[in-house]
Amino acid sequence: MLTRVLLGDAAVVIGILFIISGTVGLLRFPDIYTRLHALTKADNVGLGFVVLGLALQAPDLYAAARLLLIWFLVLLASTTSAHLVARSALRGGIKPWTGKDK
């Protein structure tokens, strides 16, 4: 039991670190496309680790399955919304960053 709690806590901490790195990418990257990439990738992986940590500490299998379902729905929503934002930016004339804008 203690091992599950420690593994769960470690997974949650790792997930929080991924979420923080995605937030830093959102604030630091040069254009909307790289910001979206950093945010969606890091947050999805971070949320996966948080859900894994919470599922390890869940009281029963039903609660763990609900957590996994929530993670799956967030994955669908974040990829769809990132695609729509990037497509709108591209149609709006926002060019991707090439590294030559110095």
PDB file of N, CA and C in Angstrom:
ATOM      1  N   MET A   1       0.829  -1.201   0.000  1.00  0.00           N
ATOM      2  CA  MET A   1       0.000   0.000   0.000  1.00  0.00           C
ATOM      3  C   MET A   1       0.868   1.258   0.000  1.00  0.00           C
ATOM      4  N   LEU A   2       1.892   1.265   0.804  1.00  0.00           N
ATOM      5  CA  LEU A   2       2.773   2.426   0.874  1.00  0.00           C
ATOM      6  C   LEU A   2       3.511   2.637  -0.442  1.00  0.00           C
ATOM      7  N   THR A   3       3.847   1.524  -1.117  1.00  0.00           N
ATOM      8  CA  THR A   3       4.536   1.641  -2.404  1.00  0.00           C
ATOM      9  C   THR A   3       3.637   2.322  -3.437  1.00  0.00           C
ATOM     10  N   ARG A   4       2.352   1.969  -3.447  1.00  0.00           N
ATOM     11  CA  ARG A   4       1.417   2.610  -4.376  1.00  0.00           C
ATOM     12  C   ARG A   4       1.284   4.095  -4.096  1.00  0.00           C
ATOM     13  N   VAL A   5       1.282   4.453  -2.827  1.00  0.00           N
ATOM     14  CA  VAL A   5       1.174   5.868  -2.465  1.00  0.00           C
ATOM     15  C   VAL A   5       2.420   6.623  -2.908  1.00  0.00           C
ATOM     16  N   LEU A   6       3.592   6.053  -2.676  1.00  0.00           N
ATOM     17  CA  LEU A   6       4.837   6.717  -3.068  1.00  0.00           C
ATOM     18  C   LEU A   6       4.966   6.818  -4.587  1.00  0.00           C
ATOM     19  N   LEU A   7       4.613   5.753  -5.301  1.00  0.00           N
ATOM     20  CA  LEU A   7       4.639   5.806  -6.764  1.00  0.00           C
ATOM     21  C   LEU A   7       3.623   6.813  -7.293  1.00  0.00           C
ATOM     22  N   GLY A   8       2.467   6.854  -6.662  1.00  0.00           N
ATOM     23  CA  GLY A   8       1.450   7.820  -7.062  1.00  0.00           C
ATOM     24  C   GLY A   8       1.903   9.247  -6.835  1.00  0.00           C
ATOM     25  N   ASP A   9       2.521   9.496  -5.686  1.00  0.00           N
ATOM     26  CA  ASP A   9       3.026  10.843  -5.408  1.00  0.00           C
ATOM     27  C   ASP A   9       4.121  11.231  -6.393  1.00  0.00           C
ATOM     28  N   ALA A  10       5.002  10.287  -6.708  1.00  0.00           N
ATOM     29  CA  ALA A  10       6.082  10.567  -7.665  1.00  0.00           C
ATOM     30  C   ALA A  10       5.518  10.875  -9.049  1.00  0.00           C
ATOM     31  N   ALA A  11       4.507  10.128  -9.469  1.00  0.00           N
ATOM     32  CA  ALA A  11       3.899  10.378 -10.778  1.00  0.00           C
ATOM     33  C   ALA A  11       3.219  11.747 -10.818  1.00  0.00           C
ATOM     34  N   VAL A  12       2.571  12.132  -9.736  1.00  0.00           N
ATOM     35  CA  VAL A  12       1.926  13.445  -9.691  1.00  0.00           C
ATOM     36  C   VAL A  12       2.971  14.561  -9.767  1.00  0.00           C
ATOM     37  N   VAL A  13       4.076  14.409  -9.068  1.00  0.00           N
ATOM     38  CA  VAL A  13       5.138  15.421  -9.103  1.00  0.00           C
ATOM     39  C   VAL A  13       5.732  15.517 -10.507  1.00  0.00           C
ATOM     40  N   ILE A  14       5.967  14.375 -11.150  1.00  0.00           N
ATOM     41  CA  ILE A  14       6.483  14.387 -12.525  1.00  0.00           C
ATOM     42  C   ILE A  14       5.481  15.073 -13.454  1.00  0.00           C
ATOM     43  N   GLY A  15       4.209  14.785 -13.268  1.00  0.00           N
ATOM     44  CA  GLY A  15       3.175  15.429 -14.079  1.00  0.00           C
ATOM     45  C   GLY A  15       3.146  16.931 -13.891  1.00  0.00           C
ATOM     46  N   ILE A  16       3.301  17.378 -12.661  1.00  0.00           N
ATOM     47  CA  ILE A  16       3.320  18.814 -12.395  1.00  0.00           C
ATOM     48  C   ILE A  16       4.517  19.465 -13.073  1.00  0.00           C
ATOM     49  N   LEU A  17       5.655  18.787 -13.079  1.00  0.00           N
ATOM     50  CA  LEU A  17       6.839  19.327 -13.756  1.00  0.00           C
ATOM     51  C   LEU A  17       6.608  19.462 -15.265  1.00  0.00           C
ATOM     52  N   PHE A  18       5.946  18.483 -15.858  1.00  0.00           N
ATOM     53  CA  PHE A  18       5.608  18.588 -17.284  1.00  0.00           C
ATOM     54  C   PHE A  18       4.658  19.750 -17.540  1.00  0.00           C
ATOM     55  N   ILE A  19       3.671  19.925 -16.684  1.00  0.00           N
ATOM     56  CA  ILE A  19       2.715  21.011 -16.858  1.00  0.00           C
ATOM     57  C   ILE A  19       3.410  22.368 -16.722  1.00  0.00           C
ATOM     58  N   ILE A  20       4.332  22.478 -15.783  1.00  0.00           N
ATOM     59  CA  ILE A  20       5.094  23.723 -15.625  1.00  0.00           C
ATOM     60  C   ILE A  20       5.947  23.980 -16.866  1.00  0.00           C
ATOM     61  N   SER A  21       6.571  22.936 -17.408  1.00  0.00           N
ATOM     62  CA  SER A  21       7.392  23.134 -18.611  1.00  0.00           C
ATOM     63  C   SER A  21       6.532  23.555 -19.804  1.00  0.00           C
ATOM     64  N   GLY A  22       5.320  23.044 -19.909  1.00  0.00           N
ATOM     65  CA  GLY A  22       4.415  23.480 -20.971  1.00  0.00           C
ATOM     66  C   GLY A  22       4.019  24.933 -20.811  1.00  0.00           C
ATOM     67  N   THR A  23       3.828  25.362 -19.582  1.00  0.00           N
ATOM     68  CA  THR A  23       3.504  26.756 -19.323  1.00  0.00           C
ATOM     69  C   THR A  23       4.673  27.665 -19.670  1.00  0.00           C
ATOM     70  N   VAL A  24       5.883  27.234 -19.343  1.00  0.00           N
ATOM     71  CA  VAL A  24       7.068  28.005 -19.710  1.00  0.00           C
ATOM     72  C   VAL A  24       7.187  28.099 -21.232  1.00  0.00           C
ATOM     73  N   GLY A  25       6.924  26.998 -21.922  1.00  0.00           N
ATOM     74  CA  GLY A  25       6.939  27.027 -23.387  1.00  0.00           C
ATOM     75  C   GLY A  25       5.901  27.973 -23.949  1.00  0.00           C
ATOM     76  N   LEU A  26       4.731  28.015 -23.329  1.00  0.00           N
ATOM     77  CA  LEU A  26       3.688  28.934 -23.767  1.00  0.00           C
ATOM     78  C   LEU A  26       4.145  30.382 -23.627  1.00  0.00           C
ATOM     79  N   LEU A  27       4.865  30.674 -22.584  1.00  0.00           N
ATOM     80  CA  LEU A  27       5.300  32.047 -22.338  1.00  0.00           C
ATOM     81  C   LEU A  27       6.541  32.438 -23.120  1.00  0.00           C
ATOM     82  N   ARG A  28       7.394  31.474 -23.466  1.00  0.00           N
ATOM     83  CA  ARG A  28       8.697  31.804 -24.028  1.00  0.00           C
ATOM     84  C   ARG A  28       8.839  31.589 -25.534  1.00  0.00           C
ATOM     85  N   PHE A  29       8.062  30.707 -26.132  1.00  0.00           N
ATOM     86  CA  PHE A  29       8.262  30.412 -27.550  1.00  0.00           C
ATOM     87  C   PHE A  29       7.785  31.559 -28.427  1.00  0.00           C
ATOM     88  N   PRO A  30       8.339  31.680 -29.643  1.00  0.00           N
ATOM     89  CA  PRO A  30       8.168  32.897 -30.436  1.00  0.00           C
ATOM     90  C   PRO A  30       6.835  33.056 -31.165  1.00  0.00           C
ATOM     91  N   ASP A  31       6.181  31.970 -31.546  1.00  0.00           N
ATOM     92  CA  ASP A  31       4.943  32.146 -32.313  1.00  0.00           C
ATOM     93  C   ASP A  31       3.862  31.202 -31.811  1.00  0.00           C
ATOM     94  N   ILE A  32       2.678  31.374 -32.366  1.00  0.00           N
ATOM     95  CA  ILE A  32       1.515  30.630 -31.876  1.00  0.00           C
ATOM     96  C   ILE A  32       1.643  29.126 -32.111  1.00  0.00           C
ATOM     97  N   TYR A  33       2.300  28.736 -33.179  1.00  0.00           N
ATOM     98  CA  TYR A  33       2.382  27.319 -33.524  1.00  0.00           C
ATOM     99  C   TYR A  33       3.303  26.567 -32.562  1.00  0.00           C
ATOM    100  N   THR A  34       4.461  27.143 -32.271  1.00  0.00           N
ATOM    101  CA  THR A  34       5.362  26.483 -31.322  1.00  0.00           C
ATOM    102  C   THR A  34       4.796  26.540 -29.905  1.00  0.00           C
ATOM    103  N   ARG A  35       4.084  27.593 -29.589  1.00  0.00           N
ATOM    104  CA  ARG A  35       3.450  27.678 -28.270  1.00  0.00           C
ATOM    105  C   ARG A  35       2.369  26.616 -28.114  1.00  0.00           C
ATOM    106  N   LEU A  36       1.562  26.445 -29.149  1.00  0.00           N
ATOM    107  CA  LEU A  36       0.526  25.404 -29.098  1.00  0.00           C
ATOM    108  C   LEU A  36       1.138  24.016 -28.968  1.00  0.00           C
ATOM    109  N   HIS A  37       2.227  23.793 -29.695  1.00  0.00           N
ATOM    110  CA  HIS A  37       2.884  22.492 -29.638  1.00  0.00           C
ATOM    111  C   HIS A  37       3.406  22.212 -28.229  1.00  0.00           C
ATOM    112  N   ALA A  38       4.088  23.192 -27.664  1.00  0.00           N
ATOM    113  CA  ALA A  38       4.629  23.006 -26.320  1.00  0.00           C
ATOM    114  C   ALA A  38       3.511  22.784 -25.305  1.00  0.00           C
ATOM    115  N   LEU A  39       2.482  23.576 -25.418  1.00  0.00           N
ATOM    116  CA  LEU A  39       1.405  23.492 -24.445  1.00  0.00           C
ATOM    117  C   LEU A  39       0.648  22.171 -24.537  1.00  0.00           C
ATOM    118  N   THR A  40       0.264  21.764 -25.733  1.00  0.00           N
ATOM    119  CA  THR A  40      -0.533  20.546 -25.851  1.00  0.00           C
ATOM    120  C   THR A  40       0.275  19.298 -25.529  1.00  0.00           C
ATOM    121  N   LYS A  41       1.504  19.220 -26.002  1.00  0.00           N
ATOM    122  CA  LYS A  41       2.301  18.020 -25.738  1.00  0.00           C
ATOM    123  C   LYS A  41       2.624  17.887 -24.258  1.00  0.00           C
ATOM    124  N   ALA A  42       3.165  18.946 -23.677  1.00  0.00           N
ATOM    125  CA  ALA A  42       3.590  18.870 -22.280  1.00  0.00           C
ATOM    126  C   ALA A  42       2.399  18.708 -21.338  1.00  0.00           C
ATOM    127  N   ASP A  43       1.310  19.409 -21.602  1.00  0.00           N
ATOM    128  CA  ASP A  43       0.157  19.299 -20.718  1.00  0.00           C
ATOM    129  C   ASP A  43      -0.526  17.941 -20.822  1.00  0.00           C
ATOM    130  N   ASN A  44      -0.577  17.369 -22.015  1.00  0.00           N
ATOM    131  CA  ASN A  44      -1.172  16.044 -22.149  1.00  0.00           C
ATOM    132  C   ASN A  44      -0.345  14.983 -21.437  1.00  0.00           C
ATOM    133  N   VAL A  45       0.965  15.055 -21.580  1.00  0.00           N
ATOM    134  CA  VAL A  45       1.835  14.102 -20.871  1.00  0.00           C
ATOM    135  C   VAL A  45       1.771  14.357 -19.368  1.00  0.00           C
ATOM    136  N   GLY A  46       1.794  15.641 -18.985  1.00  0.00           N
ATOM    137  CA  GLY A  46       1.706  15.979 -17.564  1.00  0.00           C
ATOM    138  C   GLY A  46       0.411  15.505 -16.944  1.00  0.00           C
ATOM    139  N   LEU A  47      -0.693  15.721 -17.643  1.00  0.00           N
ATOM    140  CA  LEU A  47      -1.973  15.244 -17.126  1.00  0.00           C
ATOM    141  C   LEU A  47      -2.000  13.721 -17.069  1.00  0.00           C
ATOM    142  N   GLY A  48      -1.353  13.075 -18.028  1.00  0.00           N
ATOM    143  CA  GLY A  48      -1.271  11.612 -17.988  1.00  0.00           C
ATOM    144  C   GLY A  48      -0.557  11.116 -16.737  1.00  0.00           C
ATOM    145  N   PHE A  49       0.544  11.772 -16.380  1.00  0.00           N
ATOM    146  CA  PHE A  49       1.247  11.381 -15.161  1.00  0.00           C
ATOM    147  C   PHE A  49       0.425  11.677 -13.905  1.00  0.00           C
ATOM    148  N   VAL A  50      -0.264  12.812 -13.897  1.00  0.00           N
ATOM    149  CA  VAL A  50      -1.108  13.137 -12.741  1.00  0.00           C
ATOM    150  C   VAL A  50      -2.234  12.111 -12.611  1.00  0.00           C
ATOM    151  N   VAL A  51      -2.843  11.766 -13.719  1.00  0.00           N
ATOM    152  CA  VAL A  51      -3.926  10.767 -13.689  1.00  0.00           C
ATOM    153  C   VAL A  51      -3.382   9.402 -13.262  1.00  0.00           C
ATOM    154  N   LEU A  52      -2.204   9.035 -13.757  1.00  0.00           N
ATOM    155  CA  LEU A  52      -1.591   7.780 -13.334  1.00  0.00           C
ATOM    156  C   LEU A  52      -1.352   7.769 -11.828  1.00  0.00           C
ATOM    157  N   GLY A  53      -0.814   8.874 -11.314  1.00  0.00           N
ATOM    158  CA  GLY A  53      -0.570   8.957  -9.874  1.00  0.00           C
ATOM    159  C   GLY A  53      -1.846   8.868  -9.062  1.00  0.00           C
ATOM    160  N   LEU A  54      -2.884   9.554  -9.539  1.00  0.00           N
ATOM    161  CA  LEU A  54      -4.158   9.495  -8.822  1.00  0.00           C
ATOM    162  C   LEU A  54      -4.827   8.138  -8.972  1.00  0.00           C
ATOM    163  N   ALA A  55      -4.669   7.502 -10.139  1.00  0.00           N
ATOM    164  CA  ALA A  55      -5.260   6.174 -10.341  1.00  0.00           C
ATOM    165  C   ALA A  55      -4.587   5.142  -9.432  1.00  0.00           C
ATOM    166  N   LEU A  56      -3.284   5.292  -9.207  1.00  0.00           N
ATOM    167  CA  LEU A  56      -2.601   4.376  -8.291  1.00  0.00           C
ATOM    168  C   LEU A  56      -3.112   4.517  -6.864  1.00  0.00           C
ATOM    169  N   GLN A  57      -3.595   5.689  -6.517  1.00  0.00           N
ATOM    170  CA  GLN A  57      -4.090   5.927  -5.165  1.00  0.00           C
ATOM    171  C   GLN A  57      -5.612   5.839  -5.065  1.00  0.00           C
ATOM    172  N   ALA A  58      -6.264   5.519  -6.171  1.00  0.00           N
ATOM    173  CA  ALA A  58      -7.726   5.446  -6.189  1.00  0.00           C
ATOM    174  C   ALA A  58      -8.207   4.305  -5.302  1.00  0.00           C
ATOM    175  N   PRO A  59      -9.359   4.497  -4.670  1.00  0.00           N
ATOM    176  CA  PRO A  59      -9.861   3.459  -3.766  1.00  0.00           C
ATOM    177  C   PRO A  59     -10.336   2.191  -4.466  1.00  0.00           C
ATOM    178  N   ASP A  60     -10.770   2.308  -5.729  1.00  0.00           N
ATOM    179  CA  ASP A  60     -11.232   1.126  -6.448  1.00  0.00           C
ATOM    180  C   ASP A  60     -10.973   1.299  -7.942  1.00  0.00           C
ATOM    181  N   LEU A  61     -11.228   0.249  -8.681  1.00  0.00           N
ATOM    182  CA  LEU A  61     -10.983   0.248 -10.116  1.00  0.00           C
ATOM    183  C   LEU A  61     -11.941   1.190 -10.857  1.00  0.00           C
ATOM    184  N   TYR A  62     -13.132   1.350 -10.354  1.00  0.00           N
ATOM    185  CA  TYR A  62     -14.106   2.236 -10.986  1.00  0.00           C
ATOM    186  C   TYR A  62     -13.623   3.695 -10.964  1.00  0.00           C
ATOM    187  N   ALA A  63     -13.080   4.122  -9.862  1.00  0.00           N
ATOM    188  CA  ALA A  63     -12.564   5.492  -9.760  1.00  0.00           C
ATOM    189  C   ALA A  63     -11.368   5.683 -10.689  1.00  0.00           C
ATOM    190  N   ALA A  64     -10.507   4.685 -10.788  1.00  0.00           N
ATOM    191  CA  ALA A  64      -9.355   4.765 -11.683  1.00  0.00           C
ATOM    192  C   ALA A  64      -9.811   4.820 -13.145  1.00  0.00           C
ATOM    193  N   ALA A  65     -10.837   4.057 -13.469  1.00  0.00           N
ATOM    194  CA  ALA A  65     -11.358   4.068 -14.843  1.00  0.00           C
ATOM    195  C   ALA A  65     -11.972   5.418 -15.183  1.00  0.00           C
ATOM    196  N   ARG A  66     -12.642   6.050 -14.235  1.00  0.00           N
ATOM    197  CA  ARG A  66     -13.201   7.387 -14.478  1.00  0.00           C
ATOM    198  C   ARG A  66     -12.090   8.404 -14.716  1.00  0.00           C
ATOM    199  N   LEU A  67     -11.001   8.293 -13.964  1.00  0.00           N
ATOM    200  CA  LEU A  67      -9.860   9.195 -14.174  1.00  0.00           C
ATOM    201  C   LEU A  67      -9.273   9.019 -15.573  1.00  0.00           C
ATOM    202  N   LEU A  68      -9.147   7.775 -16.009  1.00  0.00           N
ATOM    203  CA  LEU A  68      -8.621   7.519 -17.352  1.00  0.00           C
ATOM    204  C   LEU A  68      -9.563   8.036 -18.435  1.00  0.00           C
ATOM    205  N   LEU A  69     -10.862   7.930 -18.196  1.00  0.00           N
ATOM    206  CA  LEU A  69     -11.835   8.472 -19.140  1.00  0.00           C
ATOM    207  C   LEU A  69     -11.727   9.995 -19.233  1.00  0.00           C
ATOM    208  N   ILE A  70     -11.562  10.645 -18.094  1.00  0.00           N
ATOM    209  CA  ILE A  70     -11.387  12.102 -18.086  1.00  0.00           C
ATOM    210  C   ILE A  70     -10.139  12.485 -18.863  1.00  0.00           C
ATOM    211  N   TRP A  71      -9.036  11.751 -18.662  1.00  0.00           N
ATOM    212  CA  TRP A  71      -7.799  12.038 -19.384  1.00  0.00           C
ATOM    213  C   TRP A  71      -8.000  11.877 -20.889  1.00  0.00           C
ATOM    214  N   PHE A  72      -8.694  10.826 -21.284  1.00  0.00           N
ATOM    215  CA  PHE A  72      -8.964  10.592 -22.702  1.00  0.00           C
ATOM    216  C   PHE A  72      -9.791  11.732 -23.303  1.00  0.00           C
ATOM    217  N   LEU A  73     -10.797  12.185 -22.586  1.00  0.00           N
ATOM    218  CA  LEU A  73     -11.630  13.281 -23.086  1.00  0.00           C
ATOM    219  C   LEU A  73     -10.844  14.587 -23.179  1.00  0.00           C
ATOM    220  N   VAL A  74      -9.953  14.831 -22.223  1.00  0.00           N
ATOM    221  CA  VAL A  74      -9.115  16.025 -22.282  1.00  0.00           C
ATOM    222  C   VAL A  74      -8.150  15.933 -23.454  1.00  0.00           C
ATOM    223  N   LEU A  75      -7.618  14.738 -23.738  1.00  0.00           N
ATOM    224  CA  LEU A  75      -6.758  14.558 -24.908  1.00  0.00           C
ATOM    225  C   LEU A  75      -7.496  14.916 -26.191  1.00  0.00           C
ATOM    226  N   LEU A  76      -8.707  14.431 -26.323  1.00  0.00           N
ATOM    227  CA  LEU A  76      -9.507  14.753 -27.510  1.00  0.00           C
ATOM    228  C   LEU A  76      -9.790  16.246 -27.611  1.00  0.00           C
ATOM    229  N   ALA A  77     -10.167  16.848 -26.503  1.00  0.00           N
ATOM    230  CA  ALA A  77     -10.515  18.266 -26.523  1.00  0.00           C
ATOM    231  C   ALA A  77      -9.300  19.145 -26.800  1.00  0.00           C
ATOM    232  N   SER A  78      -8.165  18.820 -26.208  1.00  0.00           N
ATOM    233  CA  SER A  78      -6.994  19.684 -26.394  1.00  0.00           C
ATOM    234  C   SER A  78      -6.428  19.568 -27.801  1.00  0.00           C
ATOM    235  N   THR A  79      -6.410  18.372 -28.365  1.00  0.00           N
ATOM    236  CA  THR A  79      -5.899  18.253 -29.730  1.00  0.00           C
ATOM    237  C   THR A  79      -6.836  18.928 -30.730  1.00  0.00           C
ATOM    238  N   THR A  80      -8.123  18.799 -30.513  1.00  0.00           N
ATOM    239  CA  THR A  80      -9.085  19.434 -31.406  1.00  0.00           C
ATOM    240  C   THR A  80      -9.001  20.954 -31.308  1.00  0.00           C
ATOM    241  N   SER A  81      -8.936  21.467 -30.100  1.00  0.00           N
ATOM    242  CA  SER A  81      -8.875  22.930 -29.951  1.00  0.00           C
ATOM    243  C   SER A  81      -7.552  23.485 -30.465  1.00  0.00           C
ATOM    244  N   ALA A  82      -6.444  22.776 -30.255  1.00  0.00           N
ATOM    245  CA  ALA A  82      -5.153  23.243 -30.776  1.00  0.00           C
ATOM    246  C   ALA A  82      -5.166  23.250 -32.300  1.00  0.00           C
ATOM    247  N   HIS A  83      -5.773  22.238 -32.889  1.00  0.00           N
ATOM    248  CA  HIS A  83      -5.883  22.203 -34.350  1.00  0.00           C
ATOM    249  C   HIS A  83      -6.714  23.373 -34.866  1.00  0.00           C
ATOM    250  N   LEU A  84      -7.822  23.658 -34.211  1.00  0.00           N
ATOM    251  CA  LEU A  84      -8.680  24.758 -34.651  1.00  0.00           C
ATOM    252  C   LEU A  84      -7.984  26.106 -34.495  1.00  0.00           C
ATOM    253  N   VAL A  85      -7.260  26.295 -33.403  1.00  0.00           N
ATOM    254  CA  VAL A  85      -6.542  27.560 -33.200  1.00  0.00           C
ATOM    255  C   VAL A  85      -5.449  27.722 -34.250  1.00  0.00           C
ATOM    256  N   ALA A  86      -4.681  26.660 -34.502  1.00  0.00           N
ATOM    257  CA  ALA A  86      -3.602  26.739 -35.489  1.00  0.00           C
ATOM    258  C   ALA A  86      -4.161  26.966 -36.891  1.00  0.00           C
ATOM    259  N   ARG A  87      -5.243  26.314 -37.209  1.00  0.00           N
ATOM    260  CA  ARG A  87      -5.853  26.493 -38.532  1.00  0.00           C
ATOM    261  C   ARG A  87      -6.379  27.917 -38.706  1.00  0.00           C
ATOM    262  N   SER A  88      -6.988  28.453 -37.657  1.00  0.00           N
ATOM    263  CA  SER A  88      -7.479  29.826 -37.730  1.00  0.00           C
ATOM    264  C   SER A  88      -6.330  30.818 -37.863  1.00  0.00           C
ATOM    265  N   ALA A  89      -5.235  30.559 -37.163  1.00  0.00           N
ATOM    266  CA  ALA A  89      -4.067  31.440 -37.265  1.00  0.00           C
ATOM    267  C   ALA A  89      -3.480  31.386 -38.673  1.00  0.00           C
ATOM    268  N   LEU A  90      -3.408  30.197 -39.233  1.00  0.00           N
ATOM    269  CA  LEU A  90      -2.864  30.060 -40.582  1.00  0.00           C
ATOM    270  C   LEU A  90      -3.770  30.741 -41.614  1.00  0.00           C
ATOM    271  N   ARG A  91      -5.064  30.563 -41.469  1.00  0.00           N
ATOM    272  CA  ARG A  91      -6.008  31.226 -42.379  1.00  0.00           C
ATOM    273  C   ARG A  91      -6.026  32.732 -42.178  1.00  0.00           C
ATOM    274  N   GLY A  92      -5.694  33.176 -40.972  1.00  0.00           N
ATOM    275  CA  GLY A  92      -5.639  34.602 -40.684  1.00  0.00           C
ATOM    276  C   GLY A  92      -4.360  35.267 -41.151  1.00  0.00           C
ATOM    277  N   GLY A  93      -3.458  34.482 -41.730  1.00  0.00           N
ATOM    278  CA  GLY A  93      -2.247  35.053 -42.295  1.00  0.00           C
ATOM    279  C   GLY A  93      -1.052  35.077 -41.360  1.00  0.00           C
ATOM    280  N   ILE A  94      -1.134  34.429 -40.224  1.00  0.00           N
ATOM    281  CA  ILE A  94       0.004  34.389 -39.307  1.00  0.00           C
ATOM    282  C   ILE A  94       0.978  33.327 -39.807  1.00  0.00           C
ATOM    283  N   LYS A  95       2.146  33.774 -40.186  1.00  0.00           N
ATOM    284  CA  LYS A  95       3.154  32.862 -40.739  1.00  0.00           C
ATOM    285  C   LYS A  95       3.901  32.143 -39.619  1.00  0.00           C
ATOM    286  N   PRO A  96       4.262  30.879 -39.826  1.00  0.00           N
ATOM    287  CA  PRO A  96       5.077  30.176 -38.839  1.00  0.00           C
ATOM    288  C   PRO A  96       6.467  30.803 -38.725  1.00  0.00           C
ATOM    289  N   TRP A  97       7.017  30.747 -37.536  1.00  0.00           N
ATOM    290  CA  TRP A  97       8.337  31.296 -37.265  1.00  0.00           C
ATOM    291  C   TRP A  97       9.389  30.451 -37.962  1.00  0.00           C
ATOM    292  N   THR A  98      10.334  31.088 -38.648  1.00  0.00           N
ATOM    293  CA  THR A  98      11.365  30.354 -39.372  1.00  0.00           C
ATOM    294  C   THR A  98      12.736  30.470 -38.726  1.00  0.00           C
ATOM    295  N   GLY A  99      12.874  31.324 -37.752  1.00  0.00           N
ATOM    296  CA  GLY A  99      14.168  31.507 -37.107  1.00  0.00           C
ATOM    297  C   GLY A  99      14.975  32.613 -37.734  1.00  0.00           C
ATOM    298  N   LYS A 100      14.461  33.207 -38.789  1.00  0.00           N
ATOM    299  CA  LYS A 100      15.185  34.269 -39.495  1.00  0.00           C
ATOM    300  C   LYS A 100      14.698  35.654 -39.073  1.00  0.00           C
ATOM    301  N   ASP A 101      13.807  35.709 -38.114  1.00  0.00           N
ATOM    302  CA  ASP A 101      13.213  36.994 -37.691  1.00  0.00           C
ATOM    303  C   ASP A 101      14.032  37.630 -36.569  1.00  0.00           C
ATOM    304  N   LYS A 102      15.258  37.988 -36.831  1.00  0.00           N
ATOM    305  CA  LYS A 102      16.076  38.545 -35.760  1.00  0.00           C
ATOM    306  C   LYS A 102      16.309  39.988 -35.936  1.00  0.00           C
TER     307      LYS A 102
END
